[in-house]
Amino acid sequence: MAIWYNTFFFGIYPYIALAVMILGSIVRYDREPYSWRSGSSQMLRKKQLFWGSNLFHIGIILLFLGHFIGLLTPHWAYAWLIEASTKQTLAVTAGGIFGGICFIGLTLLLHRRLTDPRIRLTSTTMDIAILVILWVQLALGLATLPFSVQHSDGSTMLVLAEWAQRILTFRGDAAPLVAGTDWPYQLHIILGLTIFLLFPFSRLVHIWSVPVRYVWRQGYQVVREGHSQRQGGPVGTPGQRHKKLHPAE
């Protein structure tokens, strides 16, 4: 039973989840382009949304970058600069800080969506489900920190990184590596892959459309304004000026 469990969840399931995520996103964008959005409820309970959304997004972006770099960077690429134990300490510290920030933000968002009748009315089952799953995933991630402290030599971190790199390079011997790790790590991996699996069926697809180029664009946006009679023109006469809008606008 244990062999089947490890082989499926840590050797086969990653490819199923990633394939569904990529192909499902393509199909959804092609067939349901108008559903390609995160949905907005910003007119309701703005203050809680502000704090929850900002804390969540700051935390999740930094956690993603930490996981991406930490898991997919080969040990030899940084061994000359930093020891595995030091990297483990940095990972635990950063993970605790960013994970805590993200957890607080997501808790605010989940509380807002579940307790406000108007927001609840405009929420789909998947909207609520994906927030709950992300909340549990963050809780599991924070639960791994005490276990990581016990392995301060960085041994578990190296094993998980090797597993991720073998999966990414399509090596078939990845699954046994996770078999000896503690249960929070295993559940954290399985639930993380499940999030990838659900990705194209949820509002998470808006991640693909993040307007990165908007930050450094050089063009100007035409803004049309109406002139009042006191300015010498008839009411409603459209004028125009060029203004480079800040991304936040």
Protein backbone atom coordinates (compact mmCIF):
# COMPACT_ATOMS: atom_id res chain seq x y z
CA MET A 1 0.00 0.00 0.00
CA ALA A 2 2.79 2.42 0.94
CA ILE A 3 4.63 1.72 -2.32
CA TRP A 4 1.49 2.38 -4.39
CA TYR A 5 0.78 5.55 -2.38
CA ASN A 6 4.27 6.97 -2.93
CA THR A 7 4.44 5.98 -6.58
CA PHE A 8 1.11 7.58 -7.44
CA PHE A 9 1.18 10.79 -5.40
CA PHE A 10 4.88 11.61 -5.80
CA GLY A 11 5.65 10.03 -9.16
CA ILE A 12 2.48 10.15 -11.29
CA TYR A 13 0.17 12.73 -9.71
CA PRO A 14 2.58 15.66 -10.36
CA TYR A 15 2.35 15.08 -14.13
CA ILE A 16 -1.44 14.71 -14.03
CA ALA A 17 -1.82 17.94 -12.06
CA LEU A 18 0.58 19.95 -14.23
CA ALA A 19 -0.93 18.63 -17.47
CA VAL A 20 -4.47 19.52 -16.35
CA MET A 21 -3.29 22.94 -15.23
CA ILE A 22 -1.64 23.83 -18.55
CA LEU A 23 -4.09 22.19 -20.98
CA GLY A 24 -7.12 23.20 -18.91
CA SER A 25 -6.00 26.83 -18.86
CA ILE A 26 -5.57 26.84 -22.64
CA VAL A 27 -9.00 25.30 -23.22
CA ARG A 28 -10.70 27.69 -20.80
CA TYR A 29 -9.07 30.73 -22.40
CA ASP A 30 -10.14 29.51 -25.82
CA ARG A 31 -13.72 28.53 -24.96
CA GLU A 32 -14.62 30.84 -22.06
CA PRO A 33 -12.51 34.00 -22.44
CA TYR A 34 -15.06 36.15 -20.55
CA SER A 35 -14.64 33.98 -17.45
CA TRP A 36 -10.89 34.71 -17.45
CA ARG A 37 -10.93 37.03 -14.47
CA SER A 38 -10.56 37.05 -10.72
CA GLY A 39 -13.96 38.62 -10.08
CA SER A 40 -14.33 41.77 -8.03
CA SER A 41 -16.18 42.60 -4.84
CA GLN A 42 -14.16 45.70 -4.02
CA MET A 43 -17.25 47.84 -3.50
CA LEU A 44 -18.05 45.82 -0.37
CA ARG A 45 -16.05 45.96 2.88
CA LYS A 46 -13.18 47.82 1.24
CA LYS A 47 -10.97 48.13 4.31
CA GLN A 48 -10.91 44.40 5.01
CA LEU A 49 -10.35 43.72 1.32
CA PHE A 50 -7.44 46.18 1.23
CA TRP A 51 -5.58 44.58 4.10
CA GLY A 52 -6.49 41.02 3.25
CA SER A 53 -5.69 41.29 -0.46
CA ASN A 54 -2.40 43.13 0.00
CA LEU A 55 -1.10 40.88 2.76
CA PHE A 56 -2.15 37.77 0.85
CA HIS A 57 -0.62 38.81 -2.46
CA ILE A 58 2.64 40.06 -0.96
CA GLY A 59 3.01 36.86 1.04
CA ILE A 60 2.05 34.47 -1.75
CA ILE A 61 4.37 36.08 -4.30
CA LEU A 62 7.35 35.91 -1.95
CA LEU A 63 6.48 32.34 -0.97
CA PHE A 64 6.23 31.34 -4.62
CA LEU A 65 9.61 32.87 -5.42
CA GLY A 66 11.14 31.18 -2.39
CA HIS A 67 9.74 27.77 -3.32
CA PHE A 68 10.63 28.19 -6.99
CA ILE A 69 14.24 29.19 -6.37
CA GLY A 70 14.75 26.94 -3.37
CA LEU A 71 13.38 23.76 -4.93
CA LEU A 72 14.58 24.14 -8.50
CA THR A 73 18.12 25.45 -7.91
CA PRO A 74 20.60 22.53 -7.93
CA HIS A 75 22.72 22.21 -4.81
CA TRP A 76 25.97 22.60 -6.74
CA ALA A 77 24.85 26.01 -8.00
CA TYR A 78 25.03 27.58 -4.53
CA ALA A 79 27.18 25.14 -2.52
CA TRP A 80 30.27 27.25 -3.16
CA LEU A 81 28.55 30.29 -1.63
CA ILE A 82 26.30 29.02 1.16
CA GLU A 83 26.03 25.80 3.16
CA ALA A 84 22.86 23.73 3.13
CA SER A 85 22.32 24.33 6.85
CA THR A 86 22.50 28.10 6.37
CA LYS A 87 20.11 27.94 3.46
CA GLN A 88 17.76 25.87 5.62
CA THR A 89 17.83 28.53 8.34
CA LEU A 90 17.10 31.27 5.79
CA ALA A 91 14.27 29.22 4.31
CA VAL A 92 12.66 28.58 7.70
CA THR A 93 12.94 32.23 8.71
CA ALA A 94 11.66 33.63 5.41
CA GLY A 95 8.98 30.96 5.15
CA GLY A 96 7.74 31.74 8.65
CA ILE A 97 7.57 35.49 8.00
CA PHE A 98 6.07 35.38 4.50
CA GLY A 99 3.82 32.46 5.38
CA GLY A 100 2.50 34.32 8.41
CA ILE A 101 1.80 37.44 6.35
CA CYS A 102 0.02 35.41 3.69
CA PHE A 103 -1.95 33.41 6.27
CA ILE A 104 -3.25 36.57 7.98
CA GLY A 105 -4.25 38.09 4.64
CA LEU A 106 -6.00 34.95 3.45
CA THR A 107 -7.81 34.57 6.78
CA LEU A 108 -9.18 38.11 6.36
CA LEU A 109 -10.29 37.36 2.79
CA LEU A 110 -11.92 34.07 3.78
CA HIS A 111 -13.69 35.65 6.76
CA ARG A 112 -14.92 38.49 4.55
CA ARG A 113 -16.29 36.13 1.91
CA LEU A 114 -17.98 33.78 4.37
CA THR A 115 -19.53 36.31 6.75
CA ASP A 116 -20.80 39.04 4.41
CA PRO A 117 -24.15 37.92 2.92
CA ARG A 118 -23.75 40.12 -0.18
CA ILE A 119 -20.28 38.83 -0.98
CA ARG A 120 -21.37 35.27 -0.22
CA LEU A 121 -24.24 35.69 -2.70
CA THR A 122 -21.85 36.63 -5.52
CA SER A 123 -19.38 33.83 -4.68
CA THR A 124 -19.34 30.51 -6.47
CA THR A 125 -18.68 27.21 -4.75
CA MET A 126 -15.24 27.13 -6.36
CA ASP A 127 -14.46 30.64 -5.08
CA ILE A 128 -14.97 29.50 -1.51
CA ALA A 129 -13.39 26.07 -2.03
CA ILE A 130 -10.16 27.45 -3.47
CA LEU A 131 -9.80 29.92 -0.58
CA VAL A 132 -10.32 27.12 1.94
CA ILE A 133 -7.81 24.87 0.16
CA LEU A 134 -5.24 27.67 0.03
CA TRP A 135 -5.83 28.35 3.73
CA VAL A 136 -5.25 24.69 4.63
CA GLN A 137 -2.18 24.61 2.37
CA LEU A 138 -0.69 27.61 4.17
CA ALA A 139 -1.45 26.01 7.53
CA LEU A 140 0.35 22.84 6.40
CA GLY A 141 3.27 24.90 5.18
CA LEU A 142 3.58 26.60 8.56
CA ALA A 143 3.24 23.19 10.24
CA THR A 144 6.38 22.00 8.42
CA LEU A 145 8.51 24.67 10.11
CA PRO A 146 9.03 22.81 13.44
CA PHE A 147 10.03 19.70 11.49
CA SER A 148 12.43 21.77 9.40
CA VAL A 149 14.06 23.11 12.57
CA GLN A 150 14.67 19.52 13.67
CA HIS A 151 16.52 18.92 10.38
CA SER A 152 18.71 21.99 10.68
CA ASP A 153 21.45 20.36 8.60
CA GLY A 154 19.31 20.92 5.51
CA SER A 155 19.00 17.21 4.68
CA THR A 156 15.22 17.23 4.18
CA MET A 157 15.41 20.43 2.14
CA LEU A 158 17.94 18.80 -0.20
CA VAL A 159 15.76 15.69 -0.56
CA LEU A 160 12.66 17.73 -1.48
CA ALA A 161 14.65 19.87 -3.90
CA GLU A 162 16.06 16.77 -5.56
CA TRP A 163 12.53 15.35 -5.86
CA ALA A 164 11.24 18.52 -7.54
CA GLN A 165 14.17 18.65 -9.94
CA ARG A 166 13.75 14.99 -10.91
CA ILE A 167 10.03 15.57 -11.58
CA LEU A 168 10.82 18.58 -13.71
CA THR A 169 13.42 16.68 -15.73
CA PHE A 170 11.12 13.65 -16.19
CA ARG A 171 13.26 11.21 -14.24
CA GLY A 172 11.26 8.21 -13.09
CA ASP A 173 13.08 7.70 -9.78
CA ALA A 174 11.66 10.71 -7.95
CA ALA A 175 8.88 9.15 -5.86
CA PRO A 176 11.02 7.12 -3.38
CA LEU A 177 12.74 10.31 -2.21
CA VAL A 178 9.60 11.61 -0.50
CA ALA A 179 8.75 8.31 1.19
CA GLY A 180 10.95 8.98 4.21
CA THR A 181 9.88 12.57 4.86
CA ASP A 182 7.56 13.65 7.66
CA TRP A 183 3.79 13.69 7.05
CA PRO A 184 3.35 17.51 6.87
CA TYR A 185 5.74 17.64 3.92
CA GLN A 186 3.87 14.89 2.11
CA LEU A 187 0.44 16.44 2.66
CA HIS A 188 1.82 19.86 1.69
CA ILE A 189 3.07 18.44 -1.62
CA ILE A 190 -0.17 16.54 -2.37
CA LEU A 191 -2.39 19.54 -1.62
CA GLY A 192 -0.09 21.83 -3.60
CA LEU A 193 -0.43 19.55 -6.63
CA THR A 194 -4.20 19.49 -6.10
CA ILE A 195 -4.22 23.29 -6.34
CA PHE A 196 -2.48 22.96 -9.72
CA LEU A 197 -5.17 20.44 -10.70
CA LEU A 198 -8.00 22.82 -9.77
CA PHE A 199 -6.25 25.88 -11.20
CA PRO A 200 -8.01 26.08 -14.61
CA PHE A 201 -11.45 25.63 -13.01
CA SER A 202 -11.06 28.51 -10.55
CA ARG A 203 -10.42 32.25 -10.48
CA LEU A 204 -6.71 31.50 -10.11
CA VAL A 205 -6.39 31.62 -13.92
CA HIS A 206 -6.08 35.41 -13.66
CA ILE A 207 -2.46 34.78 -12.60
CA TRP A 208 -1.62 34.08 -16.26
CA SER A 209 -2.85 37.55 -17.19
CA VAL A 210 -0.89 39.61 -14.68
CA PRO A 211 -0.04 42.87 -16.54
CA VAL A 212 3.72 42.80 -15.99
CA ARG A 213 4.53 44.95 -19.05
CA TYR A 214 2.25 47.74 -17.82
CA VAL A 215 4.84 48.74 -15.20
CA TRP A 216 7.46 49.87 -17.71
CA ARG A 217 5.35 50.74 -20.74
CA GLN A 218 6.41 53.94 -22.54
CA GLY A 219 3.16 54.79 -24.31
CA TYR A 220 0.63 57.40 -23.27
CA GLN A 221 -3.06 56.91 -22.72
CA VAL A 222 -5.48 59.40 -24.26
CA VAL A 223 -7.77 60.85 -21.60
CA ARG A 224 -10.83 62.76 -22.82
CA GLU A 225 -12.28 65.52 -20.71
CA GLY A 226 -15.40 67.72 -20.95
CA HIS A 227 -14.91 71.51 -20.97
CA SER A 228 -17.21 73.72 -18.93
CA GLN A 229 -18.74 76.92 -20.28
CA ARG A 230 -16.51 78.98 -17.97
CA GLN A 231 -13.51 77.60 -19.86
CA GLY A 232 -14.85 79.05 -23.10
CA GLY A 233 -16.41 75.98 -24.64
CA PRO A 234 -19.86 74.44 -24.71
CA VAL A 235 -20.78 71.94 -22.05
CA GLY A 236 -19.82 68.42 -23.04
CA THR A 237 -17.38 69.46 -25.75
CA PRO A 238 -14.77 66.74 -25.61
CA GLY A 239 -11.18 67.76 -25.27
CA GLN A 240 -8.23 65.50 -24.88
CA ARG A 241 -4.81 65.45 -23.32
CA HIS A 242 -2.10 62.86 -23.05
CA LYS A 243 -1.28 61.48 -19.68
CA LYS A 244 0.91 58.61 -18.64
CA LEU A 245 -1.11 56.88 -15.96
CA HIS A 246 0.48 55.21 -12.98
CA PRO A 247 -0.17 51.44 -12.93
CA ALA A 248 -2.26 51.84 -9.78
CA GLU A 249 -4.68 54.10 -11.63
